[in-house]
Amino acid sequence: MNYQVKLNDGQVINMAGAEINVTELTTSLNDQRLSFVNFGGAIVNKHLIMSIVPTEEHSETQA
């Protein structure tokens, strides 16, 4: 699935074909001992994250 991570500094991280374990992500975001999370190789300060939303997957071929 494709996701868009919106940061509070105006930047956006687009993740194509990402597999996110919602339970593990929620646990990481709620863990007060952690300051950073890994999104597809990008290490992000979790306090910068505004939202993580699924985006439409576009196929190469259209009918």
PDB file of N, CA and C in Angstrom:
ATOM      1  N   MET A   1       0.843  -1.175   0.000  1.00  0.00           N
ATOM      2  CA  MET A   1       0.000   0.000   0.000  1.00  0.00           C
ATOM      3  C   MET A   1       0.889   1.240   0.000  1.00  0.00           C
ATOM      4  N   ASN A   2       0.382   2.297  -0.522  1.00  0.00           N
ATOM      5  CA  ASN A   2       1.107   3.563  -0.550  1.00  0.00           C
ATOM      6  C   ASN A   2       0.619   4.459   0.588  1.00  0.00           C
ATOM      7  N   TYR A   3       1.557   5.142   1.225  1.00  0.00           N
ATOM      8  CA  TYR A   3       1.228   6.036   2.337  1.00  0.00           C
ATOM      9  C   TYR A   3       1.905   7.380   2.133  1.00  0.00           C
ATOM     10  N   GLN A   4       1.317   8.406   2.727  1.00  0.00           N
ATOM     11  CA  GLN A   4       1.921   9.727   2.756  1.00  0.00           C
ATOM     12  C   GLN A   4       2.046  10.134   4.218  1.00  0.00           C
ATOM     13  N   VAL A   5       3.279  10.431   4.632  1.00  0.00           N
ATOM     14  CA  VAL A   5       3.548  10.876   5.994  1.00  0.00           C
ATOM     15  C   VAL A   5       3.722  12.393   5.936  1.00  0.00           C
ATOM     16  N   LYS A   6       2.843  13.119   6.599  1.00  0.00           N
ATOM     17  CA  LYS A   6       2.917  14.577   6.616  1.00  0.00           C
ATOM     18  C   LYS A   6       3.595  15.017   7.899  1.00  0.00           C
ATOM     19  N   LEU A   7       4.603  15.879   7.746  1.00  0.00           N
ATOM     20  CA  LEU A   7       5.353  16.378   8.889  1.00  0.00           C
ATOM     21  C   LEU A   7       4.929  17.801   9.219  1.00  0.00           C
ATOM     22  N   ASN A   8       5.108  18.213  10.467  1.00  0.00           N
ATOM     23  CA  ASN A   8       4.654  19.547  10.871  1.00  0.00           C
ATOM     24  C   ASN A   8       5.557  20.672  10.375  1.00  0.00           C
ATOM     25  N   ASP A   9       6.640  20.319   9.655  1.00  0.00           N
ATOM     26  CA  ASP A   9       7.489  21.357   9.063  1.00  0.00           C
ATOM     27  C   ASP A   9       7.170  21.559   7.580  1.00  0.00           C
ATOM     28  N   GLY A  10       6.056  20.955   7.117  1.00  0.00           N
ATOM     29  CA  GLY A  10       5.617  21.124   5.740  1.00  0.00           C
ATOM     30  C   GLY A  10       6.135  20.062   4.784  1.00  0.00           C
ATOM     31  N   GLN A  11       7.063  19.238   5.211  1.00  0.00           N
ATOM     32  CA  GLN A  11       7.596  18.195   4.342  1.00  0.00           C
ATOM     33  C   GLN A  11       6.648  17.005   4.308  1.00  0.00           C
ATOM     34  N   VAL A  12       6.771  16.226   3.232  1.00  0.00           N
ATOM     35  CA  VAL A  12       5.955  15.037   3.059  1.00  0.00           C
ATOM     36  C   VAL A  12       6.872  13.892   2.659  1.00  0.00           C
ATOM     37  N   ILE A  13       6.663  12.728   3.247  1.00  0.00           N
ATOM     38  CA  ILE A  13       7.376  11.522   2.851  1.00  0.00           C
ATOM     39  C   ILE A  13       6.369  10.617   2.177  1.00  0.00           C
ATOM     40  N   ASN A  14       6.580  10.337   0.878  1.00  0.00           N
ATOM     41  CA  ASN A  14       5.708   9.431   0.141  1.00  0.00           C
ATOM     42  C   ASN A  14       6.328   8.042   0.156  1.00  0.00           C
ATOM     43  N   MET A  15       5.542   7.072   0.576  1.00  0.00           N
ATOM     44  CA  MET A  15       6.036   5.701   0.679  1.00  0.00           C
ATOM     45  C   MET A  15       5.205   4.806  -0.234  1.00  0.00           C
ATOM     46  N   ALA A  16       5.841   4.270  -1.270  1.00  0.00           N
ATOM     47  CA  ALA A  16       5.152   3.392  -2.216  1.00  0.00           C
ATOM     48  C   ALA A  16       5.397   1.940  -1.843  1.00  0.00           C
ATOM     49  N   GLY A  17       4.348   1.160  -1.843  1.00  0.00           N
ATOM     50  CA  GLY A  17       4.469  -0.261  -1.565  1.00  0.00           C
ATOM     51  C   GLY A  17       4.901  -0.587  -0.150  1.00  0.00           C
ATOM     52  N   ALA A  18       4.590   0.287   0.792  1.00  0.00           N
ATOM     53  CA  ALA A  18       5.019   0.089   2.176  1.00  0.00           C
ATOM     54  C   ALA A  18       4.092  -0.867   2.911  1.00  0.00           C
ATOM     55  N   GLU A  19       4.681  -1.629   3.803  1.00  0.00           N
ATOM     56  CA  GLU A  19       3.906  -2.488   4.688  1.00  0.00           C
ATOM     57  C   GLU A  19       4.090  -1.959   6.096  1.00  0.00           C
ATOM     58  N   ILE A  20       3.029  -1.425   6.660  1.00  0.00           N
ATOM     59  CA  ILE A  20       3.089  -0.846   7.994  1.00  0.00           C
ATOM     60  C   ILE A  20       2.316  -1.742   8.951  1.00  0.00           C
ATOM     61  N   ASN A  21       2.985  -2.155  10.012  1.00  0.00           N
ATOM     62  CA  ASN A  21       2.332  -2.899  11.078  1.00  0.00           C
ATOM     63  C   ASN A  21       1.767  -1.851  12.032  1.00  0.00           C
ATOM     64  N   VAL A  22       0.470  -1.659  11.980  1.00  0.00           N
ATOM     65  CA  VAL A  22      -0.174  -0.588  12.735  1.00  0.00           C
ATOM     66  C   VAL A  22       0.037  -0.756  14.239  1.00  0.00           C
ATOM     67  N   THR A  23      -0.011  -1.981  14.713  1.00  0.00           N
ATOM     68  CA  THR A  23       0.178  -2.233  16.144  1.00  0.00           C
ATOM     69  C   THR A  23       1.568  -1.822  16.592  1.00  0.00           C
ATOM     70  N   GLU A  24       2.594  -2.229  15.836  1.00  0.00           N
ATOM     71  CA  GLU A  24       3.972  -1.869  16.201  1.00  0.00           C
ATOM     72  C   GLU A  24       4.203  -0.371  16.076  1.00  0.00           C
ATOM     73  N   LEU A  25       3.666   0.247  15.020  1.00  0.00           N
ATOM     74  CA  LEU A  25       3.834   1.690  14.841  1.00  0.00           C
ATOM     75  C   LEU A  25       3.179   2.451  15.987  1.00  0.00           C
ATOM     76  N   THR A  26       1.977   2.062  16.350  1.00  0.00           N
ATOM     77  CA  THR A  26       1.272   2.721  17.450  1.00  0.00           C
ATOM     78  C   THR A  26       2.056   2.582  18.751  1.00  0.00           C
ATOM     79  N   THR A  27       2.586   1.388  18.991  1.00  0.00           N
ATOM     80  CA  THR A  27       3.389   1.156  20.195  1.00  0.00           C
ATOM     81  C   THR A  27       4.617   2.062  20.194  1.00  0.00           C
ATOM     82  N   SER A  28       5.295   2.167  19.051  1.00  0.00           N
ATOM     83  CA  SER A  28       6.492   3.020  18.949  1.00  0.00           C
ATOM     84  C   SER A  28       6.155   4.485  19.157  1.00  0.00           C
ATOM     85  N   LEU A  29       5.060   4.937  18.556  1.00  0.00           N
ATOM     86  CA  LEU A  29       4.678   6.343  18.683  1.00  0.00           C
ATOM     87  C   LEU A  29       4.261   6.694  20.110  1.00  0.00           C
ATOM     88  N   ASN A  30       3.693   5.731  20.830  1.00  0.00           N
ATOM     89  CA  ASN A  30       3.250   5.984  22.204  1.00  0.00           C
ATOM     90  C   ASN A  30       4.340   5.760  23.244  1.00  0.00           C
ATOM     91  N   ASP A  31       5.468   5.188  22.854  1.00  0.00           N
ATOM     92  CA  ASP A  31       6.563   4.906  23.785  1.00  0.00           C
ATOM     93  C   ASP A  31       7.327   6.198  24.079  1.00  0.00           C
ATOM     94  N   GLN A  32       7.233   6.664  25.306  1.00  0.00           N
ATOM     95  CA  GLN A  32       7.873   7.931  25.702  1.00  0.00           C
ATOM     96  C   GLN A  32       9.398   7.865  25.646  1.00  0.00           C
ATOM     97  N   ARG A  33       9.967   6.659  25.669  1.00  0.00           N
ATOM     98  CA  ARG A  33      11.427   6.512  25.634  1.00  0.00           C
ATOM     99  C   ARG A  33      11.998   6.693  24.234  1.00  0.00           C
ATOM    100  N   LEU A  34      11.147   6.570  23.208  1.00  0.00           N
ATOM    101  CA  LEU A  34      11.607   6.687  21.820  1.00  0.00           C
ATOM    102  C   LEU A  34      11.342   8.082  21.286  1.00  0.00           C
ATOM    103  N   SER A  35      12.313   8.606  20.553  1.00  0.00           N
ATOM    104  CA  SER A  35      12.146   9.922  19.926  1.00  0.00           C
ATOM    105  C   SER A  35      12.052   9.829  18.410  1.00  0.00           C
ATOM    106  N   PHE A  36      12.516   8.707  17.828  1.00  0.00           N
ATOM    107  CA  PHE A  36      12.571   8.574  16.378  1.00  0.00           C
ATOM    108  C   PHE A  36      11.910   7.280  15.925  1.00  0.00           C
ATOM    109  N   VAL A  37      11.359   7.300  14.711  1.00  0.00           N
ATOM    110  CA  VAL A  37      10.814   6.108  14.082  1.00  0.00           C
ATOM    111  C   VAL A  37      11.400   5.997  12.677  1.00  0.00           C
ATOM    112  N   ASN A  38      11.409   4.789  12.150  1.00  0.00           N
ATOM    113  CA  ASN A  38      11.968   4.528  10.820  1.00  0.00           C
ATOM    114  C   ASN A  38      10.828   4.323   9.837  1.00  0.00           C
ATOM    115  N   PHE A  39      10.773   5.157   8.817  1.00  0.00           N
ATOM    116  CA  PHE A  39       9.790   5.017   7.739  1.00  0.00           C
ATOM    117  C   PHE A  39      10.533   4.732   6.454  1.00  0.00           C
ATOM    118  N   GLY A  40      10.540   3.492   6.031  1.00  0.00           N
ATOM    119  CA  GLY A  40      11.166   3.117   4.767  1.00  0.00           C
ATOM    120  C   GLY A  40      12.597   3.590   4.636  1.00  0.00           C
ATOM    121  N   GLY A  41      13.353   3.544   5.710  1.00  0.00           N
ATOM    122  CA  GLY A  41      14.746   3.962   5.675  1.00  0.00           C
ATOM    123  C   GLY A  41      14.958   5.407   6.097  1.00  0.00           C
ATOM    124  N   ALA A  42      13.884   6.171   6.228  1.00  0.00           N
ATOM    125  CA  ALA A  42      13.996   7.556   6.693  1.00  0.00           C
ATOM    126  C   ALA A  42      13.776   7.570   8.203  1.00  0.00           C
ATOM    127  N   ILE A  43      14.747   8.052   8.941  1.00  0.00           N
ATOM    128  CA  ILE A  43      14.625   8.162  10.387  1.00  0.00           C
ATOM    129  C   ILE A  43      13.983   9.514  10.693  1.00  0.00           C
ATOM    130  N   VAL A  44      12.807   9.483  11.326  1.00  0.00           N
ATOM    131  CA  VAL A  44      12.016  10.693  11.536  1.00  0.00           C
ATOM    132  C   VAL A  44      11.757  10.898  13.027  1.00  0.00           C
ATOM    133  N   ASN A  45      11.944  12.125  13.484  1.00  0.00           N
ATOM    134  CA  ASN A  45      11.573  12.482  14.852  1.00  0.00           C
ATOM    135  C   ASN A  45      10.064  12.327  14.959  1.00  0.00           C
ATOM    136  N   LYS A  46       9.607  11.449  15.835  1.00  0.00           N
ATOM    137  CA  LYS A  46       8.170  11.146  15.893  1.00  0.00           C
ATOM    138  C   LYS A  46       7.334  12.358  16.302  1.00  0.00           C
ATOM    139  N   HIS A  47       7.929  13.364  16.895  1.00  0.00           N
ATOM    140  CA  HIS A  47       7.199  14.564  17.289  1.00  0.00           C
ATOM    141  C   HIS A  47       6.922  15.483  16.097  1.00  0.00           C
ATOM    142  N   LEU A  48       7.553  15.191  14.948  1.00  0.00           N
ATOM    143  CA  LEU A  48       7.305  15.967  13.726  1.00  0.00           C
ATOM    144  C   LEU A  48       6.128  15.429  12.926  1.00  0.00           C
ATOM    145  N   ILE A  49       5.688  14.214  13.215  1.00  0.00           N
ATOM    146  CA  ILE A  49       4.661  13.561  12.408  1.00  0.00           C
ATOM    147  C   ILE A  49       3.285  14.136  12.731  1.00  0.00           C
ATOM    148  N   MET A  50       2.620  14.639  11.697  1.00  0.00           N
ATOM    149  CA  MET A  50       1.256  15.142  11.843  1.00  0.00           C
ATOM    150  C   MET A  50       0.251  14.056  11.497  1.00  0.00           C
ATOM    151  N   SER A  51       0.511  13.334  10.393  1.00  0.00           N
ATOM    152  CA  SER A  51      -0.433  12.295   9.989  1.00  0.00           C
ATOM    153  C   SER A  51       0.242  11.281   9.083  1.00  0.00           C
ATOM    154  N   ILE A  52      -0.347  10.103   9.055  1.00  0.00           N
ATOM    155  CA  ILE A  52       0.064   9.038   8.142  1.00  0.00           C
ATOM    156  C   ILE A  52      -1.216   8.568   7.472  1.00  0.00           C
ATOM    157  N   VAL A  53      -1.320   8.816   6.164  1.00  0.00           N
ATOM    158  CA  VAL A  53      -2.563   8.478   5.464  1.00  0.00           C
ATOM    159  C   VAL A  53      -2.277   7.594   4.258  1.00  0.00           C
ATOM    160  N   PRO A  54      -3.162   6.617   4.020  1.00  0.00           N
ATOM    161  CA  PRO A  54      -3.008   5.809   2.815  1.00  0.00           C
ATOM    162  C   PRO A  54      -3.357   6.650   1.594  1.00  0.00           C
ATOM    163  N   THR A  55      -2.652   6.420   0.506  1.00  0.00           N
ATOM    164  CA  THR A  55      -2.943   7.118  -0.749  1.00  0.00           C
ATOM    165  C   THR A  55      -3.328   6.093  -1.802  1.00  0.00           C
ATOM    166  N   GLU A  56      -3.952   6.545  -2.859  1.00  0.00           N
ATOM    167  CA  GLU A  56      -4.371   5.653  -3.928  1.00  0.00           C
ATOM    168  C   GLU A  56      -3.168   5.062  -4.636  1.00  0.00           C
ATOM    169  N   GLU A  57      -3.299   3.802  -4.997  1.00  0.00           N
ATOM    170  CA  GLU A  57      -2.269   3.169  -5.801  1.00  0.00           C
ATOM    171  C   GLU A  57      -2.677   3.348  -7.260  1.00  0.00           C
ATOM    172  N   HIS A  58      -1.771   3.897  -8.062  1.00  0.00           N
ATOM    173  CA  HIS A  58      -2.047   4.098  -9.476  1.00  0.00           C
ATOM    174  C   HIS A  58      -1.345   3.019 -10.269  1.00  0.00           C
ATOM    175  N   SER A  59      -2.075   2.394 -11.162  1.00  0.00           N
ATOM    176  CA  SER A  59      -1.462   1.366 -11.986  1.00  0.00           C
ATOM    177  C   SER A  59      -0.913   1.980 -13.264  1.00  0.00           C
ATOM    178  N   GLU A  60       0.047   1.294 -13.858  1.00  0.00           N
ATOM    179  CA  GLU A  60       0.647   1.769 -15.100  1.00  0.00           C
ATOM    180  C   GLU A  60      -0.318   1.686 -16.268  1.00  0.00           C
ATOM    181  N   THR A  61      -1.206   0.690 -16.236  1.00  0.00           N
ATOM    182  CA  THR A  61      -2.153   0.517 -17.337  1.00  0.00           C
ATOM    183  C   THR A  61      -3.537   0.955 -16.885  1.00  0.00           C
ATOM    184  N   GLN A  62      -4.203   1.672 -17.752  1.00  0.00           N
ATOM    185  CA  GLN A  62      -5.558   2.113 -17.460  1.00  0.00           C
ATOM    186  C   GLN A  62      -6.475   1.630 -18.560  1.00  0.00           C
ATOM    187  N   ALA A  63      -7.696   1.236 -18.195  1.00  0.00           N
ATOM    188  CA  ALA A  63      -8.660   0.725 -19.185  1.00  0.00           C
ATOM    189  C   ALA A  63      -9.250   1.853 -19.991  1.00  0.00           C
TER     190      ALA A  63
END
